[in-house]
Amino acid sequence: MPAPKAFTRFQMNPFQPGNPAVFPLTQEDEIKAQKLERELNKAAVAKNLKAANDLYMKLSFLLSPLNHNHRLLKAKIPLFRIAMDLGPFPELEDNLRKASMQLDWQTPEWLEVNFLLALHFVKKGEFADAKLYISVVLENEHVIPSPVQRKQFHEKVIARLSDEFVIHHLKSRQSGEIDPQKLEIDVLKILVSDRSDDDILVSISDSTPIETARALYLLESFSREKSLAPLALPDMESRKGKIFVGGKLFRAFKSRARAAICDPESPVNKAWKEKGVTSLFGGKSLLAASVASAFNRVDLAIYAIAVPVTALIVKTGIEAVCDATEEDFIS
């Protein structure tokens, strides 16, 4: 079976003659290893880098003496996910490249590593390199053979790439910080108006620099050409085009607000679930303070975008905003 056409210059198979023999684990150690792998994945979901690293070291202590190198490599992928979210880490790119060359290219792990490489280059603004890995991921027909499932996967990949592309383009565009009290007042003005969700998305698009919208269209067009996702994009200047751009911006900004509002132990999350949305306004301005802090922390203090994004977060509801399925990679 031929290798993906965009990837023929890379080594395909780590199982070369002369590799050390892999010795079986005892039943007791196999149970321990599986438990450590589950806990490692949980730590990755929680973005707890220290816990994940400690668990990986314990797993390595079990597997390395018996030459379970391929299994250990697969166990590194949750660490790569955390590093991608919490970085930058200078060694991440080299580690991802090595993993890409060592994993079997017909496995979900290989596909995820190459997706993370595409994401890495998008976040760095190195789009020529990003395009190679986008092609590799979207042209692969072997890991997910079902066209229906592959289309769903492609849509997830393109959405996540767009998120990071938008964040890269808009970071540090505006100096200063968002004021929570002012944000709350302007969010309430939108909520008491008769503006629809689409109207709010249009206002997000209208507040987006035109060069960001154009670059986003180029990335989307390139990715869709390589995928089973719908190819046609609406005209950028049309209302549908503005709703499309606004939706991409909303998703990207919402992803950065998640950490502040979706933690079950956070004051804003508890108040929203226990007392309803009205408890988030007035007094300590819980929602506005949380969202403003999240955007300020990652250099996204663009007030004209933060206002409609926050209003739409309220209209969408905490259950939808915090839906963990949006973070899934391969179902």
C-alpha atoms as a PDB file:
ATOM      1  CA  MET A   1       0.000   0.000   0.000  1.00  0.00           C
ATOM      2  CA  PRO A   2       1.639   3.318  -1.036  1.00  0.00           C
ATOM      3  CA  ALA A   3       2.513   6.025   1.471  1.00  0.00           C
ATOM      4  CA  PRO A   4       0.547   9.304   1.415  1.00  0.00           C
ATOM      5  CA  LYS A   5       1.784  11.275  -1.606  1.00  0.00           C
ATOM      6  CA  ALA A   6       2.639  14.388   0.416  1.00  0.00           C
ATOM      7  CA  PHE A   7       4.820  12.359   2.752  1.00  0.00           C
ATOM      8  CA  THR A   8       6.974  10.128   0.573  1.00  0.00           C
ATOM      9  CA  ARG A   9      10.222  11.866   1.540  1.00  0.00           C
ATOM     10  CA  PHE A  10       9.913  10.739   5.174  1.00  0.00           C
ATOM     11  CA  GLN A  11      10.791   7.366   6.696  1.00  0.00           C
ATOM     12  CA  MET A  12       7.683   5.226   6.956  1.00  0.00           C
ATOM     13  CA  ASN A  13       8.457   2.274   9.219  1.00  0.00           C
ATOM     14  CA  PRO A  14      10.364   2.194  12.513  1.00  0.00           C
ATOM     15  CA  PHE A  15      10.440  -1.604  12.675  1.00  0.00           C
ATOM     16  CA  GLN A  16      13.787  -2.065  10.953  1.00  0.00           C
ATOM     17  CA  PRO A  17      15.873  -5.271  11.170  1.00  0.00           C
ATOM     18  CA  GLY A  18      18.187  -5.176  14.161  1.00  0.00           C
ATOM     19  CA  ASN A  19      15.740  -3.446  16.491  1.00  0.00           C
ATOM     20  CA  PRO A  20      15.916  -4.979  20.002  1.00  0.00           C
ATOM     21  CA  ALA A  21      13.441  -7.743  20.802  1.00  0.00           C
ATOM     22  CA  VAL A  22      10.312  -6.739  22.723  1.00  0.00           C
ATOM     23  CA  PHE A  23       9.752  -8.898  25.798  1.00  0.00           C
ATOM     24  CA  PRO A  24       6.258  -9.488  27.231  1.00  0.00           C
ATOM     25  CA  LEU A  25       5.083  -7.844  30.435  1.00  0.00           C
ATOM     26  CA  THR A  26       3.863  -9.920  33.334  1.00  0.00           C
ATOM     27  CA  GLN A  27       0.100  -9.824  33.838  1.00  0.00           C
ATOM     28  CA  GLU A  28       0.594  -7.649  36.917  1.00  0.00           C
ATOM     29  CA  ASP A  29       2.801  -5.160  35.062  1.00  0.00           C
ATOM     30  CA  GLU A  30       0.387  -5.067  32.099  1.00  0.00           C
ATOM     31  CA  ILE A  31      -2.429  -4.051  34.457  1.00  0.00           C
ATOM     32  CA  LYS A  32      -0.175  -1.361  35.956  1.00  0.00           C
ATOM     33  CA  ALA A  33       0.805  -0.093  32.499  1.00  0.00           C
ATOM     34  CA  GLN A  34      -2.808   0.175  31.321  1.00  0.00           C
ATOM     35  CA  LYS A  35      -3.749   2.070  34.481  1.00  0.00           C
ATOM     36  CA  LEU A  36      -0.857   4.506  34.000  1.00  0.00           C
ATOM     37  CA  GLU A  37      -1.874   5.060  30.357  1.00  0.00           C
ATOM     38  CA  ARG A  38      -5.459   5.888  31.392  1.00  0.00           C
ATOM     39  CA  GLU A  39      -4.254   8.293  34.089  1.00  0.00           C
ATOM     40  CA  LEU A  40      -1.850   9.902  31.629  1.00  0.00           C
ATOM     41  CA  ASN A  41      -4.694  10.608  29.204  1.00  0.00           C
ATOM     42  CA  LYS A  42      -6.773  12.104  32.031  1.00  0.00           C
ATOM     43  CA  ALA A  43      -3.870  14.371  33.004  1.00  0.00           C
ATOM     44  CA  ALA A  44      -3.616  15.490  29.374  1.00  0.00           C
ATOM     45  CA  VAL A  45      -7.316  16.414  29.283  1.00  0.00           C
ATOM     46  CA  ALA A  46      -6.798  18.413  32.498  1.00  0.00           C
ATOM     47  CA  LYS A  47      -3.671  19.996  30.933  1.00  0.00           C
ATOM     48  CA  ASN A  48      -1.649  18.998  33.997  1.00  0.00           C
ATOM     49  CA  LEU A  49       1.850  18.811  32.537  1.00  0.00           C
ATOM     50  CA  LYS A  50       3.621  17.869  35.771  1.00  0.00           C
ATOM     51  CA  ALA A  51       1.240  14.995  36.538  1.00  0.00           C
ATOM     52  CA  ALA A  52       1.403  13.751  32.943  1.00  0.00           C
ATOM     53  CA  ASN A  53       5.200  13.838  32.936  1.00  0.00           C
ATOM     54  CA  ASP A  54       5.388  11.970  36.259  1.00  0.00           C
ATOM     55  CA  LEU A  55       3.020   9.298  34.939  1.00  0.00           C
ATOM     56  CA  TYR A  56       5.039   8.952  31.747  1.00  0.00           C
ATOM     57  CA  MET A  57       8.222   8.415  33.762  1.00  0.00           C
ATOM     58  CA  LYS A  58       6.519   5.671  35.795  1.00  0.00           C
ATOM     59  CA  LEU A  59       5.320   4.040  32.574  1.00  0.00           C
ATOM     60  CA  SER A  60       8.814   4.295  31.117  1.00  0.00           C
ATOM     61  CA  PHE A  61      10.218   2.548  34.186  1.00  0.00           C
ATOM     62  CA  LEU A  62       7.885  -0.398  33.425  1.00  0.00           C
ATOM     63  CA  LEU A  63       8.242  -0.539  29.644  1.00  0.00           C
ATOM     64  CA  SER A  64      11.788   0.558  28.770  1.00  0.00           C
ATOM     65  CA  PRO A  65      13.652  -2.449  30.243  1.00  0.00           C
ATOM     66  CA  LEU A  66      11.538  -4.745  28.059  1.00  0.00           C
ATOM     67  CA  ASN A  67      12.020  -2.607  24.908  1.00  0.00           C
ATOM     68  CA  HIS A  68       8.371  -1.525  24.541  1.00  0.00           C
ATOM     69  CA  ASN A  69       9.628   1.562  22.708  1.00  0.00           C
ATOM     70  CA  HIS A  70       6.704   1.828  20.291  1.00  0.00           C
ATOM     71  CA  ARG A  71       4.167   1.747  23.122  1.00  0.00           C
ATOM     72  CA  LEU A  72       6.155   4.405  24.989  1.00  0.00           C
ATOM     73  CA  LEU A  73       6.192   6.575  21.881  1.00  0.00           C
ATOM     74  CA  LYS A  74       2.393   6.362  21.668  1.00  0.00           C
ATOM     75  CA  ALA A  75       2.221   7.309  25.355  1.00  0.00           C
ATOM     76  CA  LYS A  76       4.126  10.522  24.578  1.00  0.00           C
ATOM     77  CA  ILE A  77       1.287  11.864  22.437  1.00  0.00           C
ATOM     78  CA  PRO A  78      -0.760  13.141  25.420  1.00  0.00           C
ATOM     79  CA  LEU A  79       2.375  15.049  26.498  1.00  0.00           C
ATOM     80  CA  PHE A  80       2.605  16.546  23.010  1.00  0.00           C
ATOM     81  CA  ARG A  81      -1.027  17.710  23.290  1.00  0.00           C
ATOM     82  CA  ILE A  82      -0.365  19.490  26.582  1.00  0.00           C
ATOM     83  CA  ALA A  83       2.844  21.055  25.273  1.00  0.00           C
ATOM     84  CA  MET A  84       0.957  22.330  22.221  1.00  0.00           C
ATOM     85  CA  ASP A  85      -1.578  24.092  24.450  1.00  0.00           C
ATOM     86  CA  LEU A  86       0.786  25.351  27.154  1.00  0.00           C
ATOM     87  CA  GLY A  87       3.908  26.077  25.072  1.00  0.00           C
ATOM     88  CA  PRO A  88       5.916  27.205  23.310  1.00  0.00           C
ATOM     89  CA  PHE A  89       8.467  24.512  24.111  1.00  0.00           C
ATOM     90  CA  PRO A  90      11.581  24.703  21.870  1.00  0.00           C
ATOM     91  CA  GLU A  91      12.034  20.927  21.728  1.00  0.00           C
ATOM     92  CA  LEU A  92       8.421  20.149  20.717  1.00  0.00           C
ATOM     93  CA  GLU A  93       8.940  20.413  16.956  1.00  0.00           C
ATOM     94  CA  ASP A  94      11.912  18.049  16.969  1.00  0.00           C
ATOM     95  CA  ASN A  95      10.042  15.526  19.134  1.00  0.00           C
ATOM     96  CA  LEU A  96       6.996  15.627  16.856  1.00  0.00           C
ATOM     97  CA  ARG A  97       9.123  15.147  13.728  1.00  0.00           C
ATOM     98  CA  LYS A  98      10.868  12.136  15.267  1.00  0.00           C
ATOM     99  CA  ALA A  99       7.549  10.629  16.338  1.00  0.00           C
ATOM    100  CA  SER A 100       6.126  11.154  12.849  1.00  0.00           C
ATOM    101  CA  MET A 101       9.005   9.193  11.318  1.00  0.00           C
ATOM    102  CA  GLN A 102       8.846   6.385  13.886  1.00  0.00           C
ATOM    103  CA  LEU A 103       5.096   5.701  13.976  1.00  0.00           C
ATOM    104  CA  ASP A 104       3.245   3.509  11.484  1.00  0.00           C
ATOM    105  CA  TRP A 105       1.607   5.905   8.994  1.00  0.00           C
ATOM    106  CA  GLN A 106      -1.623   3.868   8.934  1.00  0.00           C
ATOM    107  CA  THR A 107      -2.401   4.507  12.619  1.00  0.00           C
ATOM    108  CA  PRO A 108      -4.432   7.193  14.418  1.00  0.00           C
ATOM    109  CA  GLU A 109      -1.318   8.091  16.439  1.00  0.00           C
ATOM    110  CA  TRP A 110       0.643   8.930  13.288  1.00  0.00           C
ATOM    111  CA  LEU A 111      -2.246  11.028  12.013  1.00  0.00           C
ATOM    112  CA  GLU A 112      -2.502  12.943  15.286  1.00  0.00           C
ATOM    113  CA  VAL A 113       1.228  13.658  15.432  1.00  0.00           C
ATOM    114  CA  ASN A 114       1.120  15.125  11.926  1.00  0.00           C
ATOM    115  CA  PHE A 115      -1.960  17.158  12.811  1.00  0.00           C
ATOM    116  CA  LEU A 116      -0.022  18.533  15.805  1.00  0.00           C
ATOM    117  CA  LEU A 117       2.850  19.427  13.461  1.00  0.00           C
ATOM    118  CA  ALA A 118       0.430  21.319  11.204  1.00  0.00           C
ATOM    119  CA  LEU A 119      -0.951  23.092  14.265  1.00  0.00           C
ATOM    120  CA  HIS A 120       2.566  23.874  15.498  1.00  0.00           C
ATOM    121  CA  PHE A 121       3.499  25.626  12.248  1.00  0.00           C
ATOM    122  CA  VAL A 122       0.193  27.503  12.085  1.00  0.00           C
ATOM    123  CA  LYS A 123       0.823  28.825  15.606  1.00  0.00           C
ATOM    124  CA  LYS A 124       4.321  29.928  14.554  1.00  0.00           C
ATOM    125  CA  GLY A 125       2.984  31.630  11.421  1.00  0.00           C
ATOM    126  CA  GLU A 126       5.060  29.347   9.165  1.00  0.00           C
ATOM    127  CA  PHE A 127       2.323  28.519   6.674  1.00  0.00           C
ATOM    128  CA  ALA A 128       4.460  26.932   3.944  1.00  0.00           C
ATOM    129  CA  ASP A 129       5.474  24.190   6.391  1.00  0.00           C
ATOM    130  CA  ALA A 130       1.949  24.034   7.813  1.00  0.00           C
ATOM    131  CA  LYS A 131       0.514  23.327   4.348  1.00  0.00           C
ATOM    132  CA  LEU A 132       2.677  20.213   3.931  1.00  0.00           C
ATOM    133  CA  TYR A 133       1.333  18.668   7.119  1.00  0.00           C
ATOM    134  CA  ILE A 134      -2.233  19.820   6.448  1.00  0.00           C
ATOM    135  CA  SER A 135      -2.028  17.940   3.133  1.00  0.00           C
ATOM    136  CA  VAL A 136      -0.568  14.865   4.838  1.00  0.00           C
ATOM    137  CA  VAL A 137      -3.405  14.731   7.361  1.00  0.00           C
ATOM    138  CA  LEU A 138      -6.298  15.504   5.027  1.00  0.00           C
ATOM    139  CA  GLU A 139      -5.161  13.288   2.131  1.00  0.00           C
ATOM    140  CA  ASN A 140      -4.752  10.176   4.303  1.00  0.00           C
ATOM    141  CA  GLU A 141      -7.520   7.699   3.442  1.00  0.00           C
ATOM    142  CA  HIS A 142      -6.270   4.708   5.414  1.00  0.00           C
ATOM    143  CA  VAL A 143      -6.602   5.618   9.095  1.00  0.00           C
ATOM    144  CA  ILE A 144     -10.292   6.543   8.784  1.00  0.00           C
ATOM    145  CA  PRO A 145     -11.613   4.552   5.801  1.00  0.00           C
ATOM    146  CA  SER A 146     -15.270   5.585   6.167  1.00  0.00           C
ATOM    147  CA  PRO A 147     -15.947   8.694   4.018  1.00  0.00           C
ATOM    148  CA  VAL A 148     -18.621   9.896   6.468  1.00  0.00           C
ATOM    149  CA  GLN A 149     -16.314   9.641   9.499  1.00  0.00           C
ATOM    150  CA  ARG A 150     -13.403  11.067   7.517  1.00  0.00           C
ATOM    151  CA  LYS A 151     -15.486  14.086   6.533  1.00  0.00           C
ATOM    152  CA  GLN A 152     -16.379  14.698  10.198  1.00  0.00           C
ATOM    153  CA  PHE A 153     -12.719  14.364  11.130  1.00  0.00           C
ATOM    154  CA  HIS A 154     -11.673  16.793   8.382  1.00  0.00           C
ATOM    155  CA  GLU A 155     -14.175  19.368   9.623  1.00  0.00           C
ATOM    156  CA  LYS A 156     -12.726  19.093  13.162  1.00  0.00           C
ATOM    157  CA  VAL A 157      -9.175  19.466  11.863  1.00  0.00           C
ATOM    158  CA  ILE A 158     -10.012  22.518   9.745  1.00  0.00           C
ATOM    159  CA  ALA A 159     -11.910  24.135  12.623  1.00  0.00           C
ATOM    160  CA  ARG A 160      -8.990  23.701  15.044  1.00  0.00           C
ATOM    161  CA  LEU A 161      -6.468  24.975  12.495  1.00  0.00           C
ATOM    162  CA  SER A 162      -8.654  28.026  11.913  1.00  0.00           C
ATOM    163  CA  ASP A 163      -8.827  28.657  15.674  1.00  0.00           C
ATOM    164  CA  GLU A 164      -5.057  28.779  16.006  1.00  0.00           C
ATOM    165  CA  PHE A 165      -4.659  30.750  12.786  1.00  0.00           C
ATOM    166  CA  VAL A 166      -7.021  33.449  14.063  1.00  0.00           C
ATOM    167  CA  ILE A 167      -5.276  33.617  17.442  1.00  0.00           C
ATOM    168  CA  HIS A 168      -1.867  33.918  15.763  1.00  0.00           C
ATOM    169  CA  HIS A 169      -3.104  36.730  13.518  1.00  0.00           C
ATOM    170  CA  LEU A 170      -4.799  38.761  16.243  1.00  0.00           C
ATOM    171  CA  LYS A 171      -2.418  38.385  19.194  1.00  0.00           C
ATOM    172  CA  SER A 172      -1.039  41.704  20.475  1.00  0.00           C
ATOM    173  CA  ARG A 173      -3.096  43.665  17.940  1.00  0.00           C
ATOM    174  CA  GLN A 174      -4.237  46.055  20.648  1.00  0.00           C
ATOM    175  CA  SER A 175      -2.277  47.357  23.621  1.00  0.00           C
ATOM    176  CA  GLY A 176      -3.754  47.676  27.090  1.00  0.00           C
ATOM    177  CA  GLU A 177      -6.285  45.462  28.819  1.00  0.00           C
ATOM    178  CA  ILE A 178     -10.046  44.923  28.696  1.00  0.00           C
ATOM    179  CA  ASP A 179     -11.879  46.600  31.574  1.00  0.00           C
ATOM    180  CA  PRO A 180     -14.437  44.138  33.063  1.00  0.00           C
ATOM    181  CA  GLN A 181     -16.955  46.789  34.191  1.00  0.00           C
ATOM    182  CA  LYS A 182     -17.017  48.467  30.783  1.00  0.00           C
ATOM    183  CA  LEU A 183     -17.227  45.059  29.101  1.00  0.00           C
ATOM    184  CA  GLU A 184     -20.228  44.090  31.222  1.00  0.00           C
ATOM    185  CA  ILE A 185     -22.115  47.297  30.400  1.00  0.00           C
ATOM    186  CA  ASP A 186     -21.630  46.885  26.648  1.00  0.00           C
ATOM    187  CA  VAL A 187     -22.467  43.159  26.743  1.00  0.00           C
ATOM    188  CA  LEU A 188     -25.747  43.937  28.517  1.00  0.00           C
ATOM    189  CA  LYS A 189     -26.603  46.490  25.818  1.00  0.00           C
ATOM    190  CA  ILE A 190     -26.383  43.731  23.218  1.00  0.00           C
ATOM    191  CA  LEU A 191     -28.355  41.246  25.322  1.00  0.00           C
ATOM    192  CA  VAL A 192     -31.299  43.621  25.863  1.00  0.00           C
ATOM    193  CA  SER A 193     -31.387  44.562  22.176  1.00  0.00           C
ATOM    194  CA  ASP A 194     -33.263  42.614  19.505  1.00  0.00           C
ATOM    195  CA  ARG A 195     -30.072  41.554  17.701  1.00  0.00           C
ATOM    196  CA  SER A 196     -30.034  37.949  16.490  1.00  0.00           C
ATOM    197  CA  ASP A 197     -27.090  35.575  16.832  1.00  0.00           C
ATOM    198  CA  ASP A 198     -26.263  36.178  13.160  1.00  0.00           C
ATOM    199  CA  ASP A 199     -26.318  39.949  13.726  1.00  0.00           C
ATOM    200  CA  ILE A 200     -23.781  39.484  16.523  1.00  0.00           C
ATOM    201  CA  LEU A 201     -21.564  37.324  14.294  1.00  0.00           C
ATOM    202  CA  VAL A 202     -21.660  40.040  11.630  1.00  0.00           C
ATOM    203  CA  SER A 203     -20.528  42.607  14.204  1.00  0.00           C
ATOM    204  CA  ILE A 204     -17.617  40.317  15.159  1.00  0.00           C
ATOM    205  CA  SER A 205     -16.652  40.084  11.483  1.00  0.00           C
ATOM    206  CA  ASP A 206     -16.927  43.862  11.025  1.00  0.00           C
ATOM    207  CA  SER A 207     -14.476  44.321  13.929  1.00  0.00           C
ATOM    208  CA  THR A 208     -11.961  41.893  12.413  1.00  0.00           C
ATOM    209  CA  PRO A 209      -8.992  43.335  10.461  1.00  0.00           C
ATOM    210  CA  ILE A 210      -9.586  42.763   6.758  1.00  0.00           C
ATOM    211  CA  GLU A 211      -6.156  41.137   6.315  1.00  0.00           C
ATOM    212  CA  THR A 212      -7.059  38.564   8.974  1.00  0.00           C
ATOM    213  CA  ALA A 213     -10.334  37.720   7.219  1.00  0.00           C
ATOM    214  CA  ARG A 214      -8.582  37.380   3.849  1.00  0.00           C
ATOM    215  CA  ALA A 215      -5.819  35.178   5.250  1.00  0.00           C
ATOM    216  CA  LEU A 216      -8.426  33.025   7.012  1.00  0.00           C
ATOM    217  CA  TYR A 217     -10.231  32.527   3.689  1.00  0.00           C
ATOM    218  CA  LEU A 218      -6.966  31.430   2.039  1.00  0.00           C
ATOM    219  CA  LEU A 219      -6.288  28.865   4.779  1.00  0.00           C
ATOM    220  CA  GLU A 220      -9.871  27.570   4.662  1.00  0.00           C
ATOM    221  CA  SER A 221      -9.814  27.289   0.862  1.00  0.00           C
ATOM    222  CA  PHE A 222      -6.507  25.396   0.860  1.00  0.00           C
ATOM    223  CA  SER A 223      -7.661  22.992   3.591  1.00  0.00           C
ATOM    224  CA  ARG A 224     -11.028  22.327   1.975  1.00  0.00           C
ATOM    225  CA  GLU A 225      -9.392  21.503  -1.363  1.00  0.00           C
ATOM    226  CA  LYS A 226      -7.518  18.685   0.408  1.00  0.00           C
ATOM    227  CA  SER A 227     -10.508  17.377   2.352  1.00  0.00           C
ATOM    228  CA  LEU A 228     -14.040  16.000   2.184  1.00  0.00           C
ATOM    229  CA  ALA A 229     -15.394  19.126   3.900  1.00  0.00           C
ATOM    230  CA  PRO A 230     -17.765  21.333   1.846  1.00  0.00           C
ATOM    231  CA  LEU A 231     -15.635  23.174  -0.721  1.00  0.00           C
ATOM    232  CA  ALA A 232     -17.591  26.332  -1.470  1.00  0.00           C
ATOM    233  CA  LEU A 233     -17.132  29.389   0.748  1.00  0.00           C
ATOM    234  CA  PRO A 234     -19.564  32.319   0.691  1.00  0.00           C
ATOM    235  CA  ASP A 235     -18.398  35.628  -0.766  1.00  0.00           C
ATOM    236  CA  MET A 236     -16.407  37.342   1.989  1.00  0.00           C
ATOM    237  CA  GLU A 237     -18.224  40.668   1.594  1.00  0.00           C
ATOM    238  CA  SER A 238     -21.714  39.125   1.699  1.00  0.00           C
ATOM    239  CA  ARG A 239     -23.754  38.739   4.882  1.00  0.00           C
ATOM    240  CA  LYS A 240     -23.190  34.964   4.727  1.00  0.00           C
ATOM    241  CA  GLY A 241     -19.458  35.580   4.383  1.00  0.00           C
ATOM    242  CA  LYS A 242     -19.457  37.874   7.404  1.00  0.00           C
ATOM    243  CA  ILE A 243     -21.414  35.314   9.425  1.00  0.00           C
ATOM    244  CA  PHE A 244     -18.821  32.708   8.400  1.00  0.00           C
ATOM    245  CA  VAL A 245     -15.875  34.898   9.499  1.00  0.00           C
ATOM    246  CA  GLY A 246     -17.691  35.920  12.680  1.00  0.00           C
ATOM    247  CA  GLY A 247     -18.349  32.268  13.493  1.00  0.00           C
ATOM    248  CA  LYS A 248     -14.668  31.412  13.084  1.00  0.00           C
ATOM    249  CA  LEU A 249     -13.655  34.310  15.342  1.00  0.00           C
ATOM    250  CA  PHE A 250     -16.278  33.375  17.940  1.00  0.00           C
ATOM    251  CA  ARG A 251     -15.072  29.781  18.080  1.00  0.00           C
ATOM    252  CA  ALA A 252     -11.420  30.866  18.424  1.00  0.00           C
ATOM    253  CA  PHE A 253     -12.077  33.414  21.181  1.00  0.00           C
ATOM    254  CA  LYS A 254     -14.471  31.036  22.942  1.00  0.00           C
ATOM    255  CA  SER A 255     -11.704  28.415  23.058  1.00  0.00           C
ATOM    256  CA  ARG A 256      -9.559  30.868  25.041  1.00  0.00           C
ATOM    257  CA  ALA A 257     -12.425  31.770  27.399  1.00  0.00           C
ATOM    258  CA  ARG A 258     -13.144  28.106  28.174  1.00  0.00           C
ATOM    259  CA  ALA A 259     -10.441  27.724  30.807  1.00  0.00           C
ATOM    260  CA  ALA A 260     -11.901  30.641  32.759  1.00  0.00           C
ATOM    261  CA  ILE A 261     -15.568  29.649  32.672  1.00  0.00           C
ATOM    262  CA  CYS A 262     -15.652  25.858  32.294  1.00  0.00           C
ATOM    263  CA  ASP A 263     -13.694  24.812  35.374  1.00  0.00           C
ATOM    264  CA  PRO A 264     -16.403  23.298  37.648  1.00  0.00           C
ATOM    265  CA  GLU A 265     -14.675  24.820  40.686  1.00  0.00           C
ATOM    266  CA  SER A 266     -14.477  28.360  39.298  1.00  0.00           C
ATOM    267  CA  PRO A 267     -16.811  30.991  40.841  1.00  0.00           C
ATOM    268  CA  VAL A 268     -18.312  31.897  37.455  1.00  0.00           C
ATOM    269  CA  ASN A 269     -19.117  28.267  36.598  1.00  0.00           C
ATOM    270  CA  LYS A 270     -20.683  27.572  39.995  1.00  0.00           C
ATOM    271  CA  ALA A 271     -22.778  30.748  39.914  1.00  0.00           C
ATOM    272  CA  TRP A 272     -23.995  30.110  36.354  1.00  0.00           C
ATOM    273  CA  LYS A 273     -25.058  26.534  37.129  1.00  0.00           C
ATOM    274  CA  GLU A 274     -26.496  27.137  40.609  1.00  0.00           C
ATOM    275  CA  LYS A 275     -28.097  30.578  40.303  1.00  0.00           C
ATOM    276  CA  GLY A 276     -28.525  31.182  36.597  1.00  0.00           C
ATOM    277  CA  VAL A 277     -27.131  33.694  34.162  1.00  0.00           C
ATOM    278  CA  THR A 278     -28.410  36.798  35.993  1.00  0.00           C
ATOM    279  CA  SER A 279     -26.025  36.058  38.887  1.00  0.00           C
ATOM    280  CA  LEU A 280     -23.078  36.741  36.576  1.00  0.00           C
ATOM    281  CA  PHE A 281     -23.850  40.445  36.230  1.00  0.00           C
ATOM    282  CA  GLY A 282     -23.551  43.239  38.762  1.00  0.00           C
ATOM    283  CA  GLY A 283     -21.553  43.050  41.966  1.00  0.00           C
ATOM    284  CA  LYS A 284     -18.273  41.339  41.100  1.00  0.00           C
ATOM    285  CA  SER A 285     -19.108  41.145  37.362  1.00  0.00           C
ATOM    286  CA  LEU A 286     -18.158  37.463  37.465  1.00  0.00           C
ATOM    287  CA  LEU A 287     -18.498  36.658  33.777  1.00  0.00           C
ATOM    288  CA  ALA A 288     -16.988  39.864  32.422  1.00  0.00           C
ATOM    289  CA  ALA A 289     -14.076  39.632  34.863  1.00  0.00           C
ATOM    290  CA  SER A 290     -13.374  36.001  33.916  1.00  0.00           C
ATOM    291  CA  VAL A 291     -13.567  36.589  30.165  1.00  0.00           C
ATOM    292  CA  ALA A 292     -11.547  39.819  30.318  1.00  0.00           C
ATOM    293  CA  SER A 293      -8.860  38.070  32.350  1.00  0.00           C
ATOM    294  CA  ALA A 294      -8.726  35.168  29.880  1.00  0.00           C
ATOM    295  CA  PHE A 295      -8.359  37.454  26.846  1.00  0.00           C
ATOM    296  CA  ASN A 296      -5.864  39.788  28.555  1.00  0.00           C
ATOM    297  CA  ARG A 297      -3.718  36.824  29.589  1.00  0.00           C
ATOM    298  CA  VAL A 298      -3.232  35.617  26.005  1.00  0.00           C
ATOM    299  CA  ASP A 299      -2.801  39.067  24.395  1.00  0.00           C
ATOM    300  CA  LEU A 300      -6.274  39.119  22.821  1.00  0.00           C
ATOM    301  CA  ALA A 301      -7.431  42.381  24.395  1.00  0.00           C
ATOM    302  CA  ILE A 302      -9.409  43.461  21.329  1.00  0.00           C
ATOM    303  CA  TYR A 303     -12.387  45.165  22.905  1.00  0.00           C
ATOM    304  CA  ALA A 304     -14.536  45.496  19.779  1.00  0.00           C
ATOM    305  CA  ILE A 305     -14.408  41.701  19.348  1.00  0.00           C
ATOM    306  CA  ALA A 306     -14.545  40.790  23.054  1.00  0.00           C
ATOM    307  CA  VAL A 307     -17.922  42.513  23.561  1.00  0.00           C
ATOM    308  CA  PRO A 308     -19.972  40.583  20.946  1.00  0.00           C
ATOM    309  CA  VAL A 309     -18.074  37.347  21.721  1.00  0.00           C
ATOM    310  CA  THR A 310     -18.995  37.600  25.416  1.00  0.00           C
ATOM    311  CA  ALA A 311     -22.612  38.419  24.574  1.00  0.00           C
ATOM    312  CA  LEU A 312     -22.828  35.359  22.334  1.00  0.00           C
ATOM    313  CA  ILE A 313     -21.259  33.185  25.054  1.00  0.00           C
ATOM    314  CA  VAL A 314     -24.140  34.226  27.328  1.00  0.00           C
ATOM    315  CA  LYS A 315     -26.742  33.557  24.631  1.00  0.00           C
ATOM    316  CA  THR A 316     -25.196  30.174  23.775  1.00  0.00           C
ATOM    317  CA  GLY A 317     -25.238  28.953  27.397  1.00  0.00           C
ATOM    318  CA  ILE A 318     -22.574  27.362  29.556  1.00  0.00           C
ATOM    319  CA  GLU A 319     -23.498  23.782  28.619  1.00  0.00           C
ATOM    320  CA  ALA A 320     -22.843  24.406  24.926  1.00  0.00           C
ATOM    321  CA  VAL A 321     -19.772  26.575  25.513  1.00  0.00           C
ATOM    322  CA  CYS A 322     -18.189  23.944  27.760  1.00  0.00           C
ATOM    323  CA  ASP A 323     -19.117  20.953  25.596  1.00  0.00           C
ATOM    324  CA  ALA A 324     -15.980  18.794  25.779  1.00  0.00           C
ATOM    325  CA  THR A 325     -16.734  17.029  22.484  1.00  0.00           C
ATOM    326  CA  GLU A 326     -15.375  20.039  20.597  1.00  0.00           C
ATOM    327  CA  GLU A 327     -11.940  19.090  21.919  1.00  0.00           C
ATOM    328  CA  ASP A 328     -12.054  15.516  20.612  1.00  0.00           C
ATOM    329  CA  PHE A 329      -9.459  14.720  17.940  1.00  0.00           C
ATOM    330  CA  ILE A 330     -10.319  11.321  16.482  1.00  0.00           C
ATOM    331  CA  SER A 331     -13.585   9.716  17.567  1.00  0.00           C
END
